[in-house]
Amino acid sequence: MREPDVTKGEGRGQLLRILGVVFGLAAGIGGTIGVGILRTPGIVATQLHSASLILLVWAIGPVYC
């Protein structure tokens, strides 16, 4: 009897083996960047004190990068 081919979706209750090292690295890097994006607005807001200036800095930041 042959083993079910999980890459083709055969077998019940098994995950597909389609994610690799590159996906793991992308998820790790994306998570790190995401945490930075969610943590820094408060720090920027306490230093700038103006809503329009905060929005201007956040609009110019990606262009600068």
C-alpha atoms as a PDB file:
ATOM      1  CA  MET A   1       0.000   0.000   0.000  1.00  0.00           C
ATOM      2  CA  ARG A   2       1.437   3.383  -0.986  1.00  0.00           C
ATOM      3  CA  GLU A   3       1.638   6.447   1.232  1.00  0.00           C
ATOM      4  CA  PRO A   4      -0.806   9.293   0.466  1.00  0.00           C
ATOM      5  CA  ASP A   5       0.757  12.197  -1.439  1.00  0.00           C
ATOM      6  CA  VAL A   6       0.214  15.151   0.910  1.00  0.00           C
ATOM      7  CA  THR A   7       1.350  17.664  -1.708  1.00  0.00           C
ATOM      8  CA  LYS A   8      -1.705  16.734  -3.788  1.00  0.00           C
ATOM      9  CA  GLY A   9      -4.116  16.847  -0.860  1.00  0.00           C
ATOM     10  CA  GLU A  10      -4.429  13.074  -0.459  1.00  0.00           C
ATOM     11  CA  GLY A  11      -5.092  11.721   3.018  1.00  0.00           C
ATOM     12  CA  ARG A  12      -7.385  13.099   5.655  1.00  0.00           C
ATOM     13  CA  GLY A  13      -6.242  15.360   8.453  1.00  0.00           C
ATOM     14  CA  GLN A  14      -2.797  16.053   7.033  1.00  0.00           C
ATOM     15  CA  LEU A  15      -1.293  19.419   6.234  1.00  0.00           C
ATOM     16  CA  LEU A  16       0.161  20.184   2.830  1.00  0.00           C
ATOM     17  CA  ARG A  17       3.954  20.404   2.692  1.00  0.00           C
ATOM     18  CA  ILE A  18       4.237  23.509   0.570  1.00  0.00           C
ATOM     19  CA  LEU A  19       5.830  26.054   2.923  1.00  0.00           C
ATOM     20  CA  GLY A  20       9.586  26.242   3.044  1.00  0.00           C
ATOM     21  CA  VAL A  21      12.467  28.151   4.551  1.00  0.00           C
ATOM     22  CA  VAL A  22      11.818  31.253   2.445  1.00  0.00           C
ATOM     23  CA  PHE A  23       8.282  31.486   3.799  1.00  0.00           C
ATOM     24  CA  GLY A  24       9.589  31.136   7.352  1.00  0.00           C
ATOM     25  CA  LEU A  25      12.099  33.935   6.819  1.00  0.00           C
ATOM     26  CA  ALA A  26       9.463  36.163   5.221  1.00  0.00           C
ATOM     27  CA  ALA A  27       7.068  35.572   8.119  1.00  0.00           C
ATOM     28  CA  GLY A  28       9.777  36.348  10.674  1.00  0.00           C
ATOM     29  CA  ILE A  29      10.917  39.525   8.940  1.00  0.00           C
ATOM     30  CA  GLY A  30       7.327  40.648   8.341  1.00  0.00           C
ATOM     31  CA  GLY A  31       6.461  40.074  11.992  1.00  0.00           C
ATOM     32  CA  THR A  32       9.457  42.103  13.130  1.00  0.00           C
ATOM     33  CA  ILE A  33       8.594  45.003  10.832  1.00  0.00           C
ATOM     34  CA  GLY A  34       4.929  44.796  11.850  1.00  0.00           C
ATOM     35  CA  VAL A  35       5.775  45.052  15.533  1.00  0.00           C
ATOM     36  CA  GLY A  36       7.941  48.100  14.824  1.00  0.00           C
ATOM     37  CA  ILE A  37       5.133  49.774  12.900  1.00  0.00           C
ATOM     38  CA  LEU A  38       2.679  49.169  15.746  1.00  0.00           C
ATOM     39  CA  ARG A  39       5.018  50.323  18.522  1.00  0.00           C
ATOM     40  CA  THR A  40       6.473  53.556  17.119  1.00  0.00           C
ATOM     41  CA  PRO A  41       3.405  55.790  16.507  1.00  0.00           C
ATOM     42  CA  GLY A  42       3.048  56.507  20.216  1.00  0.00           C
ATOM     43  CA  ILE A  43       6.698  57.500  20.527  1.00  0.00           C
ATOM     44  CA  VAL A  44       6.453  59.776  17.489  1.00  0.00           C
ATOM     45  CA  ALA A  45       3.198  61.336  18.732  1.00  0.00           C
ATOM     46  CA  THR A  46       4.656  62.224  22.140  1.00  0.00           C
ATOM     47  CA  GLN A  47       7.552  64.044  20.495  1.00  0.00           C
ATOM     48  CA  LEU A  48       5.682  65.975  17.784  1.00  0.00           C
ATOM     49  CA  HIS A  49       2.531  67.229  19.623  1.00  0.00           C
ATOM     50  CA  SER A  50       0.666  68.086  16.390  1.00  0.00           C
ATOM     51  CA  ALA A  51      -1.664  65.755  14.507  1.00  0.00           C
ATOM     52  CA  SER A  52      -0.881  67.319  11.128  1.00  0.00           C
ATOM     53  CA  LEU A  53       2.865  67.080  11.772  1.00  0.00           C
ATOM     54  CA  ILE A  54       2.515  63.421  12.825  1.00  0.00           C
ATOM     55  CA  LEU A  55       0.653  62.609   9.593  1.00  0.00           C
ATOM     56  CA  LEU A  56       3.224  64.511   7.550  1.00  0.00           C
ATOM     57  CA  VAL A  57       6.106  62.568   9.111  1.00  0.00           C
ATOM     58  CA  TRP A  58       4.338  59.230   8.539  1.00  0.00           C
ATOM     59  CA  ALA A  59       3.651  60.184   4.907  1.00  0.00           C
ATOM     60  CA  ILE A  60       7.223  61.295   4.222  1.00  0.00           C
ATOM     61  CA  GLY A  61       8.879  58.401   6.081  1.00  0.00           C
ATOM     62  CA  PRO A  62       8.214  55.695   3.453  1.00  0.00           C
ATOM     63  CA  VAL A  63       9.292  58.016   0.666  1.00  0.00           C
ATOM     64  CA  TYR A  64      12.534  58.706   2.524  1.00  0.00           C
ATOM     65  CA  CYS A  65      13.165  54.983   3.061  1.00  0.00           C
END
